[in-house]
Amino acid sequence: MPELPEVEVVRRGLVSWVRGRTITAVEVVDPRSVRRHALGPEDFAGNLEGARVLDVVRRGKFLWMPLADTGTPGASLPAVALMAHLGMSGQLLMQDSAAPDEKHLKVRLRLSPADGMPEQLRFVDQRIFGGLFLTSLVPTPDGAPGGLAETPLPLIAEEAAHIARDPLDPYFSFDAFYRRLRARKTGLKRALLDQGLVSGIGNIYADEALWKARLHFARPTDTLRRADAERVLDAARDVMTDALAAGGTSFDSLYVNVNGASGYFDRSLNAYGREGKECRRCAEAGRVSLLRRDQFMNRSSYTCPVCQPRPRNGRW
């Protein structure tokens, strides 16, 4: 499943290819992929055709494209956006018209001509957990930009309004995060995965950040010192920034970016998926320690028993 760095890779790609272009035609190949658009496929297509893509915005793992109606020029701020939910296997791919259809093509958007750019944006989804739909844009509660964008606006997609800012957001407030973190009585990893507290940190990057910060996933949040909280957030920023440079983790072979290229960050993971392998940090220090795997929220957590000792009174 795509995590924040994968979604940001897609956002950056889409900005290069679709910003400023008009959607000239829409083909819904599989109505299941627009099921979140309550008024149905015909309304979805009818409202998209003729709309111009103003930008591509991301908050956490949520991705949307603010739209301008070319029939009503002069509007000060956009009112609607095309929301893309990638789910487990959703892909947004740019393709030339001559390119054969993908096996799991669900929606095709034809775009206005642009020199050297493909004519189509395709939504491909094997498992059909993702989808596209139109959503309203609402003002952000703090008046700051709704998410990471090229031309930030104080608007957010209605479906993303409930989630917190992510650690890569320049408007993320550590003080607010720390106050709310300390008020919770839960384990540290559960808190990091709570999208209402901090968005965009998924299971893989939580394990990597905790390993880098030398903190166990069951550490009680109400005992966490400010320096510890800063350390784990800095670690999350570091691992996600490194993943961005590599194009994402691409554990799922279905994940590709907008050009169809997979990421390679999985080769640099220090904790996730390394059960029974030596801890690299311990090995560098001349110690022998094998990473362990624990069940966690129907998933797995990977830790070093030496670098990340189990806390007393841990919250699992």
Protein backbone atom coordinates (compact mmCIF):
# COMPACT_ATOMS: atom_id res chain seq x y z
CA MET A 1 0.00 0.00 0.00
CA PRO A 2 1.43 3.42 -0.90
CA GLU A 3 2.65 5.47 2.06
CA LEU A 4 3.36 9.20 2.24
CA PRO A 5 6.60 9.20 0.19
CA GLU A 6 4.95 7.17 -2.58
CA VAL A 7 1.98 9.55 -2.68
CA GLU A 8 4.32 12.57 -2.73
CA VAL A 9 6.26 11.01 -5.63
CA VAL A 10 2.95 10.72 -7.50
CA ARG A 11 2.00 14.31 -6.60
CA ARG A 12 5.26 15.70 -7.95
CA GLY A 13 4.88 13.71 -11.14
CA LEU A 14 1.31 14.85 -11.68
CA VAL A 15 2.26 18.49 -11.14
CA SER A 16 4.67 18.23 -14.06
CA TRP A 17 2.16 16.55 -16.36
CA VAL A 18 -1.36 17.81 -15.60
CA ARG A 19 -1.23 21.21 -13.88
CA GLY A 20 -2.81 23.84 -16.10
CA ARG A 21 -4.32 21.34 -18.53
CA THR A 22 -8.04 20.92 -19.24
CA ILE A 23 -9.87 17.61 -18.95
CA THR A 24 -11.51 17.25 -22.38
CA ALA A 25 -13.14 13.83 -22.01
CA VAL A 26 -13.76 11.22 -19.32
CA GLU A 27 -14.28 7.49 -19.76
CA VAL A 28 -15.35 5.44 -16.75
CA VAL A 29 -14.31 1.91 -17.68
CA ASP A 30 -15.33 0.37 -14.35
CA PRO A 31 -18.03 2.19 -12.30
CA ARG A 32 -16.73 0.59 -9.11
CA SER A 33 -13.77 2.95 -9.21
CA VAL A 34 -16.02 6.01 -8.95
CA ARG A 35 -18.39 4.51 -6.36
CA ARG A 36 -17.43 7.21 -3.86
CA HIS A 37 -18.97 9.79 -6.21
CA ALA A 38 -22.51 9.58 -4.85
CA LEU A 39 -24.27 10.89 -7.99
CA GLY A 40 -22.84 8.18 -10.23
CA PRO A 41 -20.49 7.82 -13.20
CA GLU A 42 -22.43 10.10 -15.58
CA ASP A 43 -22.40 13.00 -13.12
CA PHE A 44 -18.72 12.34 -12.37
CA ALA A 45 -17.80 12.55 -16.06
CA GLY A 46 -20.08 15.49 -16.79
CA ASN A 47 -18.63 17.61 -14.01
CA LEU A 48 -15.03 16.82 -14.92
CA GLU A 49 -15.23 17.51 -18.64
CA GLY A 50 -14.15 21.06 -19.34
CA ALA A 51 -12.51 21.55 -15.95
CA ARG A 52 -8.93 22.80 -15.71
CA VAL A 53 -6.49 21.28 -13.21
CA LEU A 54 -5.08 24.11 -11.10
CA ASP A 55 -2.67 22.17 -8.90
CA VAL A 56 -2.02 18.84 -7.18
CA VAL A 57 -2.21 18.88 -3.37
CA ARG A 58 -1.27 16.32 -0.73
CA ARG A 59 -1.88 16.07 2.99
CA GLY A 60 -0.67 12.84 4.54
CA LYS A 61 -1.65 10.13 2.07
CA PHE A 62 -4.60 12.13 0.68
CA LEU A 63 -4.21 13.54 -2.84
CA TRP A 64 -6.48 15.96 -4.68
CA MET A 65 -6.50 18.26 -7.72
CA PRO A 66 -8.33 21.61 -7.34
CA LEU A 67 -10.39 22.34 -10.46
CA ALA A 68 -11.45 25.52 -12.26
CA ASP A 69 -14.55 25.53 -14.43
CA THR A 70 -13.44 26.99 -17.75
CA GLY A 71 -17.05 28.04 -18.35
CA THR A 72 -17.04 30.40 -15.37
CA PRO A 73 -13.76 32.34 -15.48
CA GLY A 74 -12.80 34.79 -12.79
CA ALA A 75 -13.67 32.73 -9.72
CA SER A 76 -11.34 33.75 -6.89
CA LEU A 77 -10.90 30.32 -5.31
CA PRO A 78 -11.74 26.82 -6.56
CA ALA A 79 -14.76 25.16 -4.96
CA VAL A 80 -14.26 21.54 -6.01
CA ALA A 81 -11.42 19.08 -6.50
CA LEU A 82 -10.82 15.68 -8.02
CA MET A 83 -9.86 13.37 -5.15
CA ALA A 84 -7.68 10.34 -5.79
CA HIS A 85 -7.74 7.53 -3.25
CA LEU A 86 -5.02 5.04 -4.19
CA GLY A 87 -6.11 2.32 -1.77
CA MET A 88 -3.96 -0.81 -1.89
CA SER A 89 -2.99 -0.83 -5.55
CA GLY A 90 -4.23 2.33 -7.27
CA GLN A 91 -1.97 3.93 -9.86
CA LEU A 92 -2.22 7.24 -11.72
CA LEU A 93 -0.35 6.82 -14.99
CA MET A 94 0.34 9.22 -17.84
CA GLN A 95 0.06 7.51 -21.22
CA ASP A 96 -0.02 8.41 -24.89
CA SER A 97 -3.25 7.66 -26.72
CA ALA A 98 -1.51 4.94 -28.72
CA ALA A 99 -0.43 3.02 -25.61
CA PRO A 100 -2.45 -0.17 -25.07
CA ASP A 101 -4.91 -0.18 -22.20
CA GLU A 102 -3.65 -1.64 -18.96
CA LYS A 103 -5.32 -4.85 -17.83
CA HIS A 104 -6.86 -3.15 -14.81
CA LEU A 105 -7.66 0.25 -16.36
CA LYS A 106 -10.62 1.79 -14.51
CA VAL A 107 -10.88 5.47 -15.53
CA ARG A 108 -9.38 7.41 -18.46
CA LEU A 109 -9.08 11.22 -18.51
CA ARG A 110 -8.18 12.85 -21.82
CA LEU A 111 -6.28 16.11 -21.44
CA SER A 112 -5.81 19.18 -23.59
CA PRO A 113 -2.70 19.07 -25.83
CA ALA A 114 0.67 20.07 -24.37
CA ASP A 115 4.01 19.89 -26.15
CA GLY A 116 5.86 16.67 -25.44
CA MET A 117 3.34 15.45 -22.88
CA PRO A 118 1.12 12.35 -22.93
CA GLU A 119 -2.54 12.92 -23.73
CA GLN A 120 -4.13 10.69 -21.09
CA LEU A 121 -4.20 10.32 -17.32
CA ARG A 122 -5.26 6.78 -16.45
CA PHE A 123 -6.40 5.35 -13.13
CA VAL A 124 -5.41 1.69 -12.88
CA ASP A 125 -6.36 -0.45 -9.89
CA GLN A 126 -6.12 -4.22 -9.62
CA ARG A 127 -7.71 -4.64 -6.20
CA ILE A 128 -10.35 -1.89 -6.60
CA PHE A 129 -9.97 -0.55 -3.06
CA GLY A 130 -9.11 2.90 -4.42
CA GLY A 131 -11.05 5.29 -6.62
CA LEU A 132 -11.70 8.79 -7.93
CA PHE A 133 -14.46 11.18 -6.91
CA LEU A 134 -15.30 14.87 -6.82
CA THR A 135 -15.26 16.63 -3.48
CA SER A 136 -15.87 20.11 -2.09
CA LEU A 137 -13.01 22.31 -0.94
CA VAL A 138 -13.51 23.88 2.49
CA PRO A 139 -11.47 26.50 4.41
CA THR A 140 -8.72 25.15 6.68
CA PRO A 141 -9.42 25.74 10.40
CA ASP A 142 -6.07 27.47 10.94
CA GLY A 143 -6.13 29.54 7.74
CA ALA A 144 -2.91 27.90 6.53
CA PRO A 145 -2.55 25.99 3.23
CA GLY A 146 -4.49 22.74 3.11
CA GLY A 147 -1.48 20.68 2.14
CA LEU A 148 1.72 20.51 0.15
CA ALA A 149 1.18 22.19 -3.23
CA GLU A 150 2.85 24.38 -5.84
CA THR A 151 0.44 27.29 -5.21
CA PRO A 152 -0.81 26.68 -1.65
CA LEU A 153 -4.34 27.80 -0.83
CA PRO A 154 -6.13 27.88 2.57
CA LEU A 155 -8.49 25.14 1.35
CA ILE A 156 -8.68 21.42 2.00
CA ALA A 157 -10.65 18.60 0.43
CA GLU A 158 -13.63 17.89 2.66
CA GLU A 159 -12.72 14.21 3.02
CA ALA A 160 -9.23 15.13 4.28
CA ALA A 161 -10.31 17.85 6.72
CA HIS A 162 -10.28 15.47 9.70
CA ILE A 163 -6.63 14.46 9.42
CA ALA A 164 -3.67 16.21 11.01
CA ARG A 165 -0.74 17.73 9.15
CA ASP A 166 2.17 15.43 8.33
CA PRO A 167 5.81 15.88 9.46
CA LEU A 168 6.88 17.15 6.02
CA ASP A 169 4.25 19.91 6.05
CA PRO A 170 5.93 23.29 6.71
CA TYR A 171 2.90 24.27 8.83
CA PHE A 172 3.14 21.23 11.10
CA SER A 173 3.17 22.34 14.75
CA PHE A 174 5.39 20.25 17.01
CA ASP A 175 4.07 21.98 20.15
CA ALA A 176 0.48 21.07 19.31
CA PHE A 177 1.53 17.53 18.41
CA TYR A 178 3.44 17.05 21.68
CA ARG A 179 0.59 18.36 23.85
CA ARG A 180 -1.88 15.97 22.25
CA LEU A 181 0.60 13.10 22.32
CA ARG A 182 1.20 13.44 26.06
CA ALA A 183 -2.53 13.59 26.69
CA ARG A 184 -3.01 10.15 25.14
CA LYS A 185 -2.57 6.97 27.14
CA THR A 186 -1.39 4.64 24.42
CA GLY A 187 1.73 3.15 22.90
CA LEU A 188 4.03 5.30 20.80
CA LYS A 189 3.54 3.45 17.51
CA ARG A 190 -0.25 3.51 17.89
CA ALA A 191 0.02 7.27 18.30
CA LEU A 192 2.25 7.64 15.23
CA LEU A 193 -0.32 5.73 13.17
CA ASP A 194 -3.20 7.93 14.41
CA GLN A 195 -3.97 10.16 11.42
CA GLY A 196 -5.83 12.58 13.67
CA LEU A 197 -2.61 13.23 15.60
CA VAL A 198 -0.03 13.19 12.81
CA SER A 199 -0.77 12.07 9.28
CA GLY A 200 1.19 10.18 6.68
CA ILE A 201 3.22 7.81 8.89
CA GLY A 202 2.35 4.23 7.98
CA ASN A 203 3.52 0.92 9.36
CA ILE A 204 6.80 0.74 7.41
CA TYR A 205 7.99 4.25 8.20
CA ALA A 206 6.85 4.04 11.82
CA ASP A 207 9.14 1.04 12.34
CA GLU A 208 12.00 2.79 10.56
CA ALA A 209 11.56 6.01 12.55
CA LEU A 210 11.36 4.16 15.87
CA TRP A 211 14.50 2.18 15.05
CA LYS A 212 16.37 5.35 14.11
CA ALA A 213 15.17 7.09 17.29
CA ARG A 214 16.03 4.01 19.44
CA LEU A 215 12.50 3.88 20.88
CA HIS A 216 10.25 0.85 21.34
CA PHE A 217 6.82 0.86 19.74
CA ALA A 218 5.10 0.16 23.10
CA ARG A 219 6.64 3.15 24.91
CA PRO A 220 3.78 4.88 26.79
CA THR A 221 3.10 8.27 25.23
CA ASP A 222 2.28 9.96 28.53
CA THR A 223 5.82 9.26 29.76
CA LEU A 224 7.53 10.51 26.61
CA ARG A 225 9.90 13.40 27.15
CA ARG A 226 9.90 16.31 24.73
CA ALA A 227 13.38 15.36 23.48
CA ASP A 228 12.19 11.81 22.72
CA ALA A 229 9.19 13.10 20.79
CA GLU A 230 11.40 15.47 18.81
CA ARG A 231 13.81 12.63 18.08
CA VAL A 232 11.17 10.28 16.71
CA LEU A 233 9.58 13.00 14.55
CA ASP A 234 12.98 14.04 13.20
CA ALA A 235 13.63 10.37 12.44
CA ALA A 236 10.29 10.09 10.61
CA ARG A 237 11.18 13.14 8.51
CA ASP A 238 14.61 11.69 7.73
CA VAL A 239 13.39 8.27 6.61
CA MET A 240 10.58 9.73 4.54
CA THR A 241 12.88 12.27 2.92
CA ASP A 242 15.34 9.49 2.06
CA ALA A 243 12.47 7.44 0.63
CA LEU A 244 11.36 10.39 -1.50
CA ALA A 245 14.82 10.60 -3.01
CA ALA A 246 14.64 6.90 -3.88
CA GLY A 247 11.05 6.97 -5.15
CA GLY A 248 9.40 5.09 -2.29
CA THR A 249 9.58 1.64 -0.76
CA SER A 250 7.73 -0.33 -3.48
CA PHE A 251 7.23 -3.41 -1.32
CA ASP A 252 4.06 -3.97 -3.32
CA SER A 253 4.98 -4.77 -6.92
CA LEU A 254 1.76 -3.04 -7.95
CA TYR A 255 3.03 0.35 -6.75
CA VAL A 256 4.55 2.54 -9.46
CA ASN A 257 4.80 6.27 -9.84
CA VAL A 258 3.16 8.41 -12.50
CA ASN A 259 5.65 7.26 -15.13
CA GLY A 260 5.33 3.60 -14.23
CA ALA A 261 8.69 3.38 -12.43
CA SER A 262 9.03 1.60 -9.08
CA GLY A 263 10.86 2.94 -6.04
CA TYR A 264 13.95 1.36 -4.52
CA PHE A 265 14.05 2.52 -0.89
CA ASP A 266 13.22 -1.00 0.32
CA ARG A 267 16.89 -1.86 -0.18
CA SER A 268 17.84 0.62 2.56
CA LEU A 269 15.37 -0.37 5.29
CA ASN A 270 16.93 -0.96 8.69
CA ALA A 271 14.06 -2.56 10.61
CA TYR A 272 10.93 -3.37 8.65
CA GLY A 273 10.86 -6.89 7.19
CA ARG A 274 14.27 -7.84 8.66
CA GLU A 275 13.23 -10.41 11.27
CA GLY A 276 16.16 -12.59 12.33
CA LYS A 277 18.75 -10.40 10.62
CA GLU A 278 21.51 -8.50 12.37
CA CYS A 279 20.82 -4.99 13.57
CA ARG A 280 23.14 -2.85 11.47
CA ARG A 281 23.71 -0.31 14.22
CA CYS A 282 24.63 -2.99 16.74
CA ALA A 283 26.89 -4.69 14.22
CA GLU A 284 28.77 -1.43 13.66
CA ALA A 285 29.27 -1.19 17.43
CA GLY A 286 30.61 -4.76 17.61
CA ARG A 287 27.46 -6.22 19.19
CA VAL A 288 25.35 -9.11 17.91
CA SER A 289 21.62 -8.49 18.00
CA LEU A 290 18.94 -10.00 15.78
CA LEU A 291 15.85 -8.03 14.87
CA ARG A 292 12.58 -9.46 16.14
CA ARG A 293 9.02 -9.32 14.87
CA ASP A 294 5.99 -8.81 17.11
CA GLN A 295 2.33 -8.89 16.17
CA PHE A 296 0.83 -5.42 16.28
CA MET A 297 -2.70 -4.33 15.32
CA ASN A 298 -3.09 -7.25 12.87
CA ARG A 299 0.26 -6.26 11.37
CA SER A 300 3.89 -6.63 12.41
CA SER A 301 6.42 -4.48 14.23
CA TYR A 302 10.16 -4.96 13.87
CA THR A 303 12.57 -3.90 16.60
CA CYS A 304 16.10 -4.45 17.86
CA PRO A 305 15.97 -5.91 21.40
CA VAL A 306 19.24 -4.13 22.28
CA CYS A 307 18.73 -0.68 20.68
CA GLN A 308 15.00 -0.59 21.42
CA PRO A 309 14.52 -2.35 24.77
CA ARG A 310 10.98 -3.19 25.84
CA PRO A 311 9.66 -0.55 28.24
CA ARG A 312 8.24 -1.30 31.65
CA ASN A 313 4.48 -0.84 31.66
CA GLY A 314 4.49 -0.83 27.87
CA ARG A 315 1.23 -0.21 26.05
CA TRP A 316 0.76 -2.78 23.33
